[in-house]
Amino acid sequence: MALMALNNAKIALMKDYAKHYEAMTGAKARDLTIRSLDLDEKRQILRKKFYQEFEQVLNAKSAAQFVQFDRRIDLLIDLQIAAELLMIK
């Protein structure tokens, strides 16, 4: 549930960025950057929480592999969203 909310917020942020790209003001750039950094921080907090829970059930190596895999999936999702937004323009 928390992950879905973060992903939805990320999509909204990327759409907002694409919408204002051509006429980006300094204030809008600052707003988008702060929102992006906040989302990254929340994602890291969530990832750390999952890691701690997985480490209790799995061994440390498997929990670490989960974190690595999750990060790569997150990057792929970002890439797909960005590509789709470019196609919309």
PDB file of N, CA and C in Angstrom:
ATOM      1  N   MET A   1       0.829  -1.193   0.000  1.00  0.00           N
ATOM      2  CA  MET A   1       0.000   0.000   0.000  1.00  0.00           C
ATOM      3  C   MET A   1       0.876   1.260   0.000  1.00  0.00           C
ATOM      4  N   ALA A   2       1.862   1.295   0.884  1.00  0.00           N
ATOM      5  CA  ALA A   2       2.751   2.459   0.956  1.00  0.00           C
ATOM      6  C   ALA A   2       3.556   2.597  -0.331  1.00  0.00           C
ATOM      7  N   LEU A   3       4.003   1.468  -0.868  1.00  0.00           N
ATOM      8  CA  LEU A   3       4.779   1.497  -2.103  1.00  0.00           C
ATOM      9  C   LEU A   3       3.929   2.014  -3.265  1.00  0.00           C
ATOM     10  N   MET A   4       2.671   1.590  -3.325  1.00  0.00           N
ATOM     11  CA  MET A   4       1.778   2.054  -4.390  1.00  0.00           C
ATOM     12  C   MET A   4       1.573   3.567  -4.292  1.00  0.00           C
ATOM     13  N   ALA A   5       1.412   4.069  -3.090  1.00  0.00           N
ATOM     14  CA  ALA A   5       1.241   5.516  -2.905  1.00  0.00           C
ATOM     15  C   ALA A   5       2.481   6.275  -3.368  1.00  0.00           C
ATOM     16  N   LEU A   6       3.659   5.750  -3.052  1.00  0.00           N
ATOM     17  CA  LEU A   6       4.899   6.396  -3.499  1.00  0.00           C
ATOM     18  C   LEU A   6       5.021   6.358  -5.020  1.00  0.00           C
ATOM     19  N   ASN A   7       4.682   5.232  -5.616  1.00  0.00           N
ATOM     20  CA  ASN A   7       4.743   5.129  -7.080  1.00  0.00           C
ATOM     21  C   ASN A   7       3.749   6.070  -7.750  1.00  0.00           C
ATOM     22  N   ASN A   8       2.558   6.189  -7.191  1.00  0.00           N
ATOM     23  CA  ASN A   8       1.572   7.126  -7.743  1.00  0.00           C
ATOM     24  C   ASN A   8       2.054   8.567  -7.619  1.00  0.00           C
ATOM     25  N   ALA A   9       2.677   8.883  -6.499  1.00  0.00           N
ATOM     26  CA  ALA A   9       3.219  10.234  -6.311  1.00  0.00           C
ATOM     27  C   ALA A   9       4.356  10.493  -7.299  1.00  0.00           C
ATOM     28  N   LYS A  10       5.157   9.477  -7.576  1.00  0.00           N
ATOM     29  CA  LYS A  10       6.260   9.614  -8.535  1.00  0.00           C
ATOM     30  C   LYS A  10       5.722   9.859  -9.941  1.00  0.00           C
ATOM     31  N   ILE A  11       4.675   9.141 -10.305  1.00  0.00           N
ATOM     32  CA  ILE A  11       4.056   9.333 -11.625  1.00  0.00           C
ATOM     33  C   ILE A  11       3.501  10.748 -11.735  1.00  0.00           C
ATOM     34  N   ALA A  12       2.827  11.200 -10.697  1.00  0.00           N
ATOM     35  CA  ALA A  12       2.281  12.562 -10.702  1.00  0.00           C
ATOM     36  C   ALA A  12       3.400  13.597 -10.822  1.00  0.00           C
ATOM     37  N   LEU A  13       4.505  13.359 -10.139  1.00  0.00           N
ATOM     38  CA  LEU A  13       5.646  14.271 -10.209  1.00  0.00           C
ATOM     39  C   LEU A  13       6.220  14.320 -11.620  1.00  0.00           C
ATOM     40  N   MET A  14       6.380  13.160 -12.244  1.00  0.00           N
ATOM     41  CA  MET A  14       6.918  13.121 -13.603  1.00  0.00           C
ATOM     42  C   MET A  14       5.982  13.791 -14.603  1.00  0.00           C
ATOM     43  N   LYS A  15       4.686  13.621 -14.407  1.00  0.00           N
ATOM     44  CA  LYS A  15       3.720  14.292 -15.283  1.00  0.00           C
ATOM     45  C   LYS A  15       3.791  15.804 -15.094  1.00  0.00           C
ATOM     46  N   ASP A  16       3.939  16.233 -13.868  1.00  0.00           N
ATOM     47  CA  ASP A  16       4.061  17.655 -13.571  1.00  0.00           C
ATOM     48  C   ASP A  16       5.327  18.225 -14.220  1.00  0.00           C
ATOM     49  N   TYR A  17       6.412  17.466 -14.137  1.00  0.00           N
ATOM     50  CA  TYR A  17       7.672  17.883 -14.763  1.00  0.00           C
ATOM     51  C   TYR A  17       7.504  18.014 -16.279  1.00  0.00           C
ATOM     52  N   ALA A  18       6.905  16.991 -16.897  1.00  0.00           N
ATOM     53  CA  ALA A  18       6.711  17.016 -18.345  1.00  0.00           C
ATOM     54  C   ALA A  18       5.814  18.183 -18.765  1.00  0.00           C
ATOM     55  N   LYS A  19       4.791  18.448 -17.978  1.00  0.00           N
ATOM     56  CA  LYS A  19       3.849  19.532 -18.282  1.00  0.00           C
ATOM     57  C   LYS A  19       4.535  20.891 -18.262  1.00  0.00           C
ATOM     58  N   HIS A  20       5.470  21.094 -17.347  1.00  0.00           N
ATOM     59  CA  HIS A  20       6.104  22.398 -17.183  1.00  0.00           C
ATOM     60  C   HIS A  20       7.501  22.494 -17.801  1.00  0.00           C
ATOM     61  N   TYR A  21       7.925  21.451 -18.500  1.00  0.00           N
ATOM     62  CA  TYR A  21       9.292  21.398 -19.008  1.00  0.00           C
ATOM     63  C   TYR A  21       9.644  22.583 -19.902  1.00  0.00           C
ATOM     64  N   GLU A  22       8.791  22.896 -20.838  1.00  0.00           N
ATOM     65  CA  GLU A  22       9.075  23.961 -21.814  1.00  0.00           C
ATOM     66  C   GLU A  22       9.183  25.344 -21.175  1.00  0.00           C
ATOM     67  N   ALA A  23       8.377  25.604 -20.166  1.00  0.00           N
ATOM     68  CA  ALA A  23       8.356  26.933 -19.540  1.00  0.00           C
ATOM     69  C   ALA A  23       8.697  26.824 -18.053  1.00  0.00           C
ATOM     70  N   MET A  24       9.724  26.073 -17.736  1.00  0.00           N
ATOM     71  CA  MET A  24      10.100  25.830 -16.343  1.00  0.00           C
ATOM     72  C   MET A  24      10.631  27.110 -15.697  1.00  0.00           C
ATOM     73  N   THR A  25      10.020  27.473 -14.588  1.00  0.00           N
ATOM     74  CA  THR A  25      10.514  28.610 -13.815  1.00  0.00           C
ATOM     75  C   THR A  25      11.440  28.089 -12.717  1.00  0.00           C
ATOM     76  N   GLY A  26      12.185  28.986 -12.135  1.00  0.00           N
ATOM     77  CA  GLY A  26      13.047  28.595 -11.028  1.00  0.00           C
ATOM     78  C   GLY A  26      12.248  28.044  -9.861  1.00  0.00           C
ATOM     79  N   ALA A  27      11.126  28.674  -9.572  1.00  0.00           N
ATOM     80  CA  ALA A  27      10.286  28.231  -8.458  1.00  0.00           C
ATOM     81  C   ALA A  27       9.733  26.828  -8.719  1.00  0.00           C
ATOM     82  N   LYS A  28       9.311  26.579  -9.964  1.00  0.00           N
ATOM     83  CA  LYS A  28       8.769  25.257 -10.294  1.00  0.00           C
ATOM     84  C   LYS A  28       9.875  24.206 -10.244  1.00  0.00           C
ATOM     85  N   ALA A  29      11.058  24.543 -10.737  1.00  0.00           N
ATOM     86  CA  ALA A  29      12.184  23.615 -10.690  1.00  0.00           C
ATOM     87  C   ALA A  29      12.519  23.255  -9.244  1.00  0.00           C
ATOM     88  N   ARG A  30      12.503  24.259  -8.374  1.00  0.00           N
ATOM     89  CA  ARG A  30      12.773  24.014  -6.961  1.00  0.00           C
ATOM     90  C   ARG A  30      11.706  23.098  -6.353  1.00  0.00           C
ATOM     91  N   ASP A  31      10.437  23.397  -6.640  1.00  0.00           N
ATOM     92  CA  ASP A  31       9.325  22.587  -6.133  1.00  0.00           C
ATOM     93  C   ASP A  31       9.461  21.135  -6.582  1.00  0.00           C
ATOM     94  N   LEU A  32       9.721  20.926  -7.859  1.00  0.00           N
ATOM     95  CA  LEU A  32       9.845  19.567  -8.388  1.00  0.00           C
ATOM     96  C   LEU A  32      11.040  18.834  -7.772  1.00  0.00           C
ATOM     97  N   THR A  33      12.128  19.543  -7.591  1.00  0.00           N
ATOM     98  CA  THR A  33      13.325  18.919  -7.013  1.00  0.00           C
ATOM     99  C   THR A  33      13.095  18.521  -5.568  1.00  0.00           C
ATOM    100  N   ILE A  34      12.505  19.396  -4.784  1.00  0.00           N
ATOM    101  CA  ILE A  34      12.224  19.092  -3.383  1.00  0.00           C
ATOM    102  C   ILE A  34      11.262  17.902  -3.283  1.00  0.00           C
ATOM    103  N   ARG A  35      10.235  17.905  -4.111  1.00  0.00           N
ATOM    104  CA  ARG A  35       9.284  16.784  -4.105  1.00  0.00           C
ATOM    105  C   ARG A  35       9.966  15.479  -4.491  1.00  0.00           C
ATOM    106  N   SER A  36      10.843  15.538  -5.477  1.00  0.00           N
ATOM    107  CA  SER A  36      11.566  14.353  -5.914  1.00  0.00           C
ATOM    108  C   SER A  36      12.479  13.826  -4.814  1.00  0.00           C
ATOM    109  N   LEU A  37      13.202  14.707  -4.163  1.00  0.00           N
ATOM    110  CA  LEU A  37      14.084  14.301  -3.072  1.00  0.00           C
ATOM    111  C   LEU A  37      13.298  13.720  -1.907  1.00  0.00           C
ATOM    112  N   ASP A  38      12.146  14.310  -1.615  1.00  0.00           N
ATOM    113  CA  ASP A  38      11.289  13.785  -0.545  1.00  0.00           C
ATOM    114  C   ASP A  38      10.792  12.377  -0.877  1.00  0.00           C
ATOM    115  N   LEU A  39      10.397  12.166  -2.123  1.00  0.00           N
ATOM    116  CA  LEU A  39       9.947  10.837  -2.535  1.00  0.00           C
ATOM    117  C   LEU A  39      11.086   9.819  -2.452  1.00  0.00           C
ATOM    118  N   ASP A  40      12.281  10.226  -2.874  1.00  0.00           N
ATOM    119  CA  ASP A  40      13.438   9.333  -2.776  1.00  0.00           C
ATOM    120  C   ASP A  40      13.705   8.948  -1.324  1.00  0.00           C
ATOM    121  N   GLU A  41      13.618   9.922  -0.441  1.00  0.00           N
ATOM    122  CA  GLU A  41      13.853   9.660   0.974  1.00  0.00           C
ATOM    123  C   GLU A  41      12.809   8.692   1.544  1.00  0.00           C
ATOM    124  N   LYS A  42      11.547   8.906   1.199  1.00  0.00           N
ATOM    125  CA  LYS A  42      10.482   8.015   1.678  1.00  0.00           C
ATOM    126  C   LYS A  42      10.666   6.603   1.133  1.00  0.00           C
ATOM    127  N   ARG A  43      11.105   6.497  -0.115  1.00  0.00           N
ATOM    128  CA  ARG A  43      11.343   5.186  -0.725  1.00  0.00           C
ATOM    129  C   ARG A  43      12.481   4.465  -0.004  1.00  0.00           C
ATOM    130  N   GLN A  44      13.534   5.197   0.332  1.00  0.00           N
ATOM    131  CA  GLN A  44      14.658   4.593   1.048  1.00  0.00           C
ATOM    132  C   GLN A  44      14.243   4.133   2.443  1.00  0.00           C
ATOM    133  N   ILE A  45      13.429   4.918   3.110  1.00  0.00           N
ATOM    134  CA  ILE A  45      12.926   4.534   4.436  1.00  0.00           C
ATOM    135  C   ILE A  45      12.118   3.247   4.334  1.00  0.00           C
ATOM    136  N   LEU A  46      11.265   3.164   3.321  1.00  0.00           N
ATOM    137  CA  LEU A  46      10.459   1.965   3.115  1.00  0.00           C
ATOM    138  C   LEU A  46      11.343   0.760   2.772  1.00  0.00           C
ATOM    139  N   ARG A  47      12.322   0.971   1.902  1.00  0.00           N
ATOM    140  CA  ARG A  47      13.237  -0.109   1.521  1.00  0.00           C
ATOM    141  C   ARG A  47      13.995  -0.617   2.751  1.00  0.00           C
ATOM    142  N   LYS A  48      14.424   0.295   3.601  1.00  0.00           N
ATOM    143  CA  LYS A  48      15.148  -0.085   4.818  1.00  0.00           C
ATOM    144  C   LYS A  48      14.242  -0.898   5.751  1.00  0.00           C
ATOM    145  N   LYS A  49      12.986  -0.485   5.858  1.00  0.00           N
ATOM    146  CA  LYS A  49      12.030  -1.218   6.684  1.00  0.00           C
ATOM    147  C   LYS A  49      11.855  -2.645   6.169  1.00  0.00           C
ATOM    148  N   PHE A  50      11.675  -2.777   4.850  1.00  0.00           N
ATOM    149  CA  PHE A  50      11.531  -4.106   4.260  1.00  0.00           C
ATOM    150  C   PHE A  50      12.787  -4.940   4.485  1.00  0.00           C
ATOM    151  N   TYR A  51      13.947  -4.307   4.328  1.00  0.00           N
ATOM    152  CA  TYR A  51      15.203  -5.030   4.535  1.00  0.00           C
ATOM    153  C   TYR A  51      15.265  -5.596   5.958  1.00  0.00           C
ATOM    154  N   GLN A  52      14.939  -4.768   6.922  1.00  0.00           N
ATOM    155  CA  GLN A  52      14.999  -5.213   8.318  1.00  0.00           C
ATOM    156  C   GLN A  52      14.032  -6.371   8.580  1.00  0.00           C
ATOM    157  N   GLU A  53      12.848  -6.300   7.983  1.00  0.00           N
ATOM    158  CA  GLU A  53      11.879  -7.387   8.143  1.00  0.00           C
ATOM    159  C   GLU A  53      12.351  -8.661   7.442  1.00  0.00           C
ATOM    160  N   PHE A  54      12.893  -8.511   6.245  1.00  0.00           N
ATOM    161  CA  PHE A  54      13.371  -9.675   5.504  1.00  0.00           C
ATOM    162  C   PHE A  54      14.582 -10.302   6.181  1.00  0.00           C
ATOM    163  N   GLU A  55      15.438  -9.479   6.752  1.00  0.00           N
ATOM    164  CA  GLU A  55      16.628  -9.996   7.405  1.00  0.00           C
ATOM    165  C   GLU A  55      16.269 -10.867   8.613  1.00  0.00           C
ATOM    166  N   GLN A  56      15.147 -10.582   9.236  1.00  0.00           N
ATOM    167  CA  GLN A  56      14.708 -11.395  10.374  1.00  0.00           C
ATOM    168  C   GLN A  56      14.230 -12.779   9.926  1.00  0.00           C
ATOM    169  N   VAL A  57      13.703 -12.852   8.715  1.00  0.00           N
ATOM    170  CA  VAL A  57      13.156 -14.108   8.202  1.00  0.00           C
ATOM    171  C   VAL A  57      14.183 -14.855   7.340  1.00  0.00           C
ATOM    172  N   LEU A  58      14.923 -14.100   6.546  1.00  0.00           N
ATOM    173  CA  LEU A  58      15.929 -14.681   5.659  1.00  0.00           C
ATOM    174  C   LEU A  58      17.313 -14.456   6.269  1.00  0.00           C
ATOM    175  N   ASN A  59      18.333 -14.869   5.574  1.00  0.00           N
ATOM    176  CA  ASN A  59      19.672 -14.512   6.021  1.00  0.00           C
ATOM    177  C   ASN A  59      20.048 -13.138   5.461  1.00  0.00           C
ATOM    178  N   ALA A  60      21.121 -12.563   5.964  1.00  0.00           N
ATOM    179  CA  ALA A  60      21.514 -11.204   5.572  1.00  0.00           C
ATOM    180  C   ALA A  60      21.813 -11.112   4.079  1.00  0.00           C
ATOM    181  N   LYS A  61      22.427 -12.150   3.513  1.00  0.00           N
ATOM    182  CA  LYS A  61      22.756 -12.141   2.082  1.00  0.00           C
ATOM    183  C   LYS A  61      21.490 -12.082   1.228  1.00  0.00           C
ATOM    184  N   SER A  62      20.500 -12.893   1.546  1.00  0.00           N
ATOM    185  CA  SER A  62      19.252 -12.897   0.777  1.00  0.00           C
ATOM    186  C   SER A  62      18.506 -11.579   0.940  1.00  0.00           C
ATOM    187  N   ALA A  63      18.516 -11.021   2.128  1.00  0.00           N
ATOM    188  CA  ALA A  63      17.869  -9.730   2.360  1.00  0.00           C
ATOM    189  C   ALA A  63      18.569  -8.639   1.555  1.00  0.00           C
ATOM    190  N   ALA A  64      19.902  -8.693   1.494  1.00  0.00           N
ATOM    191  CA  ALA A  64      20.665  -7.709   0.711  1.00  0.00           C
ATOM    192  C   ALA A  64      20.355  -7.857  -0.779  1.00  0.00           C
ATOM    193  N   GLN A  65      20.224  -9.089  -1.241  1.00  0.00           N
ATOM    194  CA  GLN A  65      19.880  -9.314  -2.648  1.00  0.00           C
ATOM    195  C   GLN A  65      18.497  -8.752  -2.968  1.00  0.00           C
ATOM    196  N   PHE A  66      17.581  -8.869  -2.010  1.00  0.00           N
ATOM    197  CA  PHE A  66      16.259  -8.272  -2.203  1.00  0.00           C
ATOM    198  C   PHE A  66      16.379  -6.769  -2.419  1.00  0.00           C
ATOM    199  N   VAL A  67      17.183  -6.100  -1.591  1.00  0.00           N
ATOM    200  CA  VAL A  67      17.356  -4.644  -1.698  1.00  0.00           C
ATOM    201  C   VAL A  67      17.934  -4.292  -3.067  1.00  0.00           C
ATOM    202  N   GLN A  68      18.931  -5.041  -3.512  1.00  0.00           N
ATOM    203  CA  GLN A  68      19.532  -4.782  -4.824  1.00  0.00           C
ATOM    204  C   GLN A  68      18.516  -4.983  -5.948  1.00  0.00           C
ATOM    205  N   PHE A  69      17.765  -6.057  -5.864  1.00  0.00           N
ATOM    206  CA  PHE A  69      16.753  -6.350  -6.874  1.00  0.00           C
ATOM    207  C   PHE A  69      15.666  -5.272  -6.881  1.00  0.00           C
ATOM    208  N   ASP A  70      15.209  -4.894  -5.693  1.00  0.00           N
ATOM    209  CA  ASP A  70      14.172  -3.875  -5.578  1.00  0.00           C
ATOM    210  C   ASP A  70      14.626  -2.549  -6.180  1.00  0.00           C
ATOM    211  N   ARG A  71      15.860  -2.187  -5.945  1.00  0.00           N
ATOM    212  CA  ARG A  71      16.392  -0.930  -6.487  1.00  0.00           C
ATOM    213  C   ARG A  71      16.410  -0.957  -8.005  1.00  0.00           C
ATOM    214  N   ARG A  72      16.815  -2.074  -8.562  1.00  0.00           N
ATOM    215  CA  ARG A  72      16.860  -2.185 -10.029  1.00  0.00           C
ATOM    216  C   ARG A  72      15.462  -2.163 -10.644  1.00  0.00           C
ATOM    217  N   ILE A  73      14.520  -2.820  -9.989  1.00  0.00           N
ATOM    218  CA  ILE A  73      13.128  -2.769 -10.457  1.00  0.00           C
ATOM    219  C   ILE A  73      12.624  -1.328 -10.420  1.00  0.00           C
ATOM    220  N   ASP A  74      12.950  -0.615  -9.358  1.00  0.00           N
ATOM    221  CA  ASP A  74      12.542   0.784  -9.219  1.00  0.00           C
ATOM    222  C   ASP A  74      13.104   1.635 -10.361  1.00  0.00           C
ATOM    223  N   LEU A  75      14.358   1.399 -10.721  1.00  0.00           N
ATOM    224  CA  LEU A  75      14.968   2.136 -11.831  1.00  0.00           C
ATOM    225  C   LEU A  75      14.293   1.807 -13.160  1.00  0.00           C
ATOM    226  N   LEU A  76      13.937   0.541 -13.357  1.00  0.00           N
ATOM    227  CA  LEU A  76      13.239   0.147 -14.587  1.00  0.00           C
ATOM    228  C   LEU A  76      11.856   0.798 -14.675  1.00  0.00           C
ATOM    229  N   ILE A  77      11.174   0.861 -13.553  1.00  0.00           N
ATOM    230  CA  ILE A  77       9.861   1.517 -13.531  1.00  0.00           C
ATOM    231  C   ILE A  77      10.006   2.994 -13.875  1.00  0.00           C
ATOM    232  N   ASP A  78      11.014   3.657 -13.308  1.00  0.00           N
ATOM    233  CA  ASP A  78      11.273   5.065 -13.630  1.00  0.00           C
ATOM    234  C   ASP A  78      11.515   5.243 -15.126  1.00  0.00           C
ATOM    235  N   LEU A  79      12.311   4.350 -15.692  1.00  0.00           N
ATOM    236  CA  LEU A  79      12.626   4.419 -17.118  1.00  0.00           C
ATOM    237  C   LEU A  79      11.368   4.237 -17.971  1.00  0.00           C
ATOM    238  N   GLN A  80      10.534   3.288 -17.595  1.00  0.00           N
ATOM    239  CA  GLN A  80       9.305   3.047 -18.351  1.00  0.00           C
ATOM    240  C   GLN A  80       8.364   4.249 -18.266  1.00  0.00           C
ATOM    241  N   ILE A  81       8.219   4.814 -17.080  1.00  0.00           N
ATOM    242  CA  ILE A  81       7.348   5.979 -16.915  1.00  0.00           C
ATOM    243  C   ILE A  81       7.864   7.143 -17.745  1.00  0.00           C
ATOM    244  N   ALA A  82       9.159   7.383 -17.688  1.00  0.00           N
ATOM    245  CA  ALA A  82       9.753   8.491 -18.450  1.00  0.00           C
ATOM    246  C   ALA A  82       9.558   8.283 -19.946  1.00  0.00           C
ATOM    247  N   ALA A  83       9.744   7.064 -20.418  1.00  0.00           N
ATOM    248  CA  ALA A  83       9.559   6.771 -21.840  1.00  0.00           C
ATOM    249  C   ALA A  83       8.117   7.015 -22.260  1.00  0.00           C
ATOM    250  N   GLU A  84       7.169   6.611 -21.426  1.00  0.00           N
ATOM    251  CA  GLU A  84       5.762   6.819 -21.746  1.00  0.00           C
ATOM    252  C   GLU A  84       5.421   8.299 -21.765  1.00  0.00           C
ATOM    253  N   LEU A  85       5.995   9.067 -20.856  1.00  0.00           N
ATOM    254  CA  LEU A  85       5.731  10.498 -20.843  1.00  0.00           C
ATOM    255  C   LEU A  85       6.306  11.177 -22.075  1.00  0.00           C
ATOM    256  N   LEU A  86       7.450  10.716 -22.547  1.00  0.00           N
ATOM    257  CA  LEU A  86       8.037  11.268 -23.771  1.00  0.00           C
ATOM    258  C   LEU A  86       7.163  10.960 -24.967  1.00  0.00           C
ATOM    259  N   MET A  87       6.518   9.799 -24.968  1.00  0.00           N
ATOM    260  CA  MET A  87       5.643   9.420 -26.089  1.00  0.00           C
ATOM    261  C   MET A  87       4.390  10.284 -26.105  1.00  0.00           C
ATOM    262  N   ILE A  88       3.947  10.721 -24.939  1.00  0.00           N
ATOM    263  CA  ILE A  88       2.744  11.555 -24.835  1.00  0.00           C
ATOM    264  C   ILE A  88       2.984  12.915 -25.459  1.00  0.00           C
ATOM    265  N   LYS A  89       4.173  13.454 -25.264  1.00  0.00           N
ATOM    266  CA  LYS A  89       4.530  14.783 -25.793  1.00  0.00           C
ATOM    267  C   LYS A  89       4.515  14.739 -27.258  1.00  0.00           C
TER     268      LYS A  89
END
